[in-house]
């Protein structure tokens, strides 16, 4: 929509639902952005008995250390934000619009829980 910035939902089918968007992105940040990163770092750097299974993450960590892991996570976040912004402009289907942060939150919760299980032994 012309004249609309990406930071607002005004003029879309999701007008007035900003709280849902913010809370879903907060959940994605806590689970994927913090939980997964912290537990992955604990496993890879301090555990010694577990190696990173994801080839892309392992390559990024081997090449750039912790900055590679964080950079990769930020790239995924930015990609998901871009997908959501494009979806808001192109559709009024809530499944498509809410999917990027929801997928990150579910994936983050799963990997954090899995990593914690590995840390516990």
Protein backbone atom coordinates (compact mmCIF):
# COMPACT_ATOMS: atom_id res chain seq x y z
CA UNK A 1 0.00 0.00 0.00
CA UNK A 2 1.44 3.38 -0.92
CA UNK A 3 2.29 5.61 2.01
CA UNK A 4 2.27 2.78 4.53
CA UNK A 5 5.47 1.94 6.36
CA UNK A 6 6.42 -1.61 7.28
CA UNK A 7 6.25 -0.77 11.00
CA UNK A 8 2.48 -0.41 11.04
CA UNK A 9 -0.39 -2.69 10.21
CA UNK A 10 -2.74 0.18 9.39
CA UNK A 11 -4.61 -0.38 6.16
CA UNK A 12 -4.08 -4.15 6.18
CA UNK A 13 -6.31 -7.04 7.19
CA UNK A 14 -4.25 -7.20 10.39
CA UNK A 15 -4.93 -3.66 11.54
CA UNK A 16 -5.26 -3.53 15.31
CA UNK A 17 -3.38 -6.78 15.88
CA UNK A 18 0.04 -5.32 16.67
CA UNK A 19 0.17 -6.93 20.11
CA UNK A 20 -0.10 -10.41 18.62
CA UNK A 21 2.75 -9.63 16.22
CA UNK A 22 4.98 -8.23 18.96
CA UNK A 23 4.38 -11.12 21.36
CA UNK A 24 4.97 -13.72 18.68
CA UNK A 25 8.24 -12.06 17.68
CA UNK A 26 9.23 -11.80 21.35
CA UNK A 27 8.61 -15.53 21.75
CA UNK A 28 10.67 -16.25 18.62
CA UNK A 29 13.46 -14.04 19.96
CA UNK A 30 13.50 -15.77 23.35
CA UNK A 31 13.39 -19.32 22.01
CA UNK A 32 15.32 -19.10 18.74
CA UNK A 33 17.42 -16.00 19.26
CA UNK A 34 18.44 -16.51 22.88
CA UNK A 35 17.64 -20.06 23.98
CA UNK A 36 19.02 -21.82 20.93
CA UNK A 37 22.11 -19.61 20.72
CA UNK A 38 22.99 -19.94 24.40
CA UNK A 39 22.48 -23.70 24.51
CA UNK A 40 24.33 -24.21 21.20
CA UNK A 41 27.28 -22.21 22.48
CA UNK A 42 27.26 -24.20 25.72
CA UNK A 43 27.27 -27.47 23.78
CA UNK A 44 29.82 -26.55 21.15
CA UNK A 45 32.25 -24.57 23.29
CA UNK A 46 31.98 -26.04 26.76
CA UNK A 47 30.66 -29.57 26.38
CA UNK A 48 33.43 -31.32 24.49
CA UNK A 49 31.32 -34.45 23.97
CA UNK A 50 28.85 -33.01 21.45
CA UNK A 51 29.53 -31.45 18.04
CA UNK A 52 27.14 -29.26 16.07
CA UNK A 53 25.00 -31.48 13.82
CA UNK A 54 23.84 -28.73 11.43
CA UNK A 55 26.43 -28.43 8.67
CA UNK A 56 25.65 -24.77 7.98
CA UNK A 57 25.94 -23.80 11.64
CA UNK A 58 29.08 -25.89 12.09
CA UNK A 59 30.70 -24.24 9.06
CA UNK A 60 29.78 -20.75 10.28
CA UNK A 61 31.11 -21.45 13.78
CA UNK A 62 34.30 -23.04 12.47
CA UNK A 63 34.95 -20.11 10.14
CA UNK A 64 33.86 -17.17 12.29
CA UNK A 65 33.39 -18.47 15.83
CA UNK A 66 30.53 -17.13 17.89
CA UNK A 67 30.10 -14.24 15.44
CA UNK A 68 29.31 -16.79 12.72
CA UNK A 69 26.56 -18.36 14.81
CA UNK A 70 25.05 -15.01 15.75
CA UNK A 71 25.35 -13.72 12.18
CA UNK A 72 23.59 -16.78 10.83
CA UNK A 73 20.78 -16.42 13.39
CA UNK A 74 20.41 -12.71 12.52
CA UNK A 75 20.27 -13.54 8.81
CA UNK A 76 17.46 -16.05 9.44
CA UNK A 77 15.60 -13.48 11.56
CA UNK A 78 15.91 -10.81 8.85
CA UNK A 79 14.77 -13.27 6.19
CA UNK A 80 11.70 -14.18 8.26
CA UNK A 81 10.90 -10.51 8.91
CA UNK A 82 11.15 -9.86 5.18
CA UNK A 83 8.84 -12.78 4.41
CA UNK A 84 6.31 -11.53 6.96
CA UNK A 85 6.42 -7.95 5.66
CA UNK A 86 5.88 -9.19 2.10
CA UNK A 87 3.05 -11.46 3.25
CA UNK A 88 1.28 -8.62 5.07
CA UNK A 89 1.22 -6.62 1.86
CA UNK A 90 0.15 -9.53 -0.37
CA UNK A 91 -2.37 -11.55 1.59
CA UNK A 92 -4.92 -11.44 4.38
CA UNK A 93 -4.35 -15.12 5.27
CA UNK A 94 -3.22 -15.18 8.91
CA UNK A 95 -1.47 -18.54 8.49
CA UNK A 96 0.91 -17.08 5.90
CA UNK A 97 1.49 -13.88 7.87
CA UNK A 98 2.00 -15.45 11.29
CA UNK A 99 4.08 -18.38 10.00
CA UNK A 100 7.57 -16.78 10.03
CA UNK A 101 7.71 -15.91 13.75
CA UNK A 102 5.67 -18.98 14.70
CA UNK A 103 8.06 -21.31 12.87
CA UNK A 104 11.04 -19.62 14.51
CA UNK A 105 9.42 -19.90 17.94
CA UNK A 106 8.58 -23.59 17.52
CA UNK A 107 11.97 -24.43 16.03
CA UNK A 108 13.71 -22.42 18.76
CA UNK A 109 11.74 -24.14 21.52
CA UNK A 110 12.51 -27.57 20.04
CA UNK A 111 16.24 -26.94 19.56
CA UNK A 112 16.60 -25.29 22.97
CA UNK A 113 14.90 -28.24 24.65
CA UNK A 114 16.95 -30.73 22.62
CA UNK A 115 20.18 -28.91 23.46
CA UNK A 116 19.29 -28.81 27.15
CA UNK A 117 18.66 -32.55 27.01
CA UNK A 118 22.09 -33.07 25.44
CA UNK A 119 23.70 -30.87 28.09
CA UNK A 120 22.05 -32.85 30.86
CA UNK A 121 23.57 -36.01 29.41
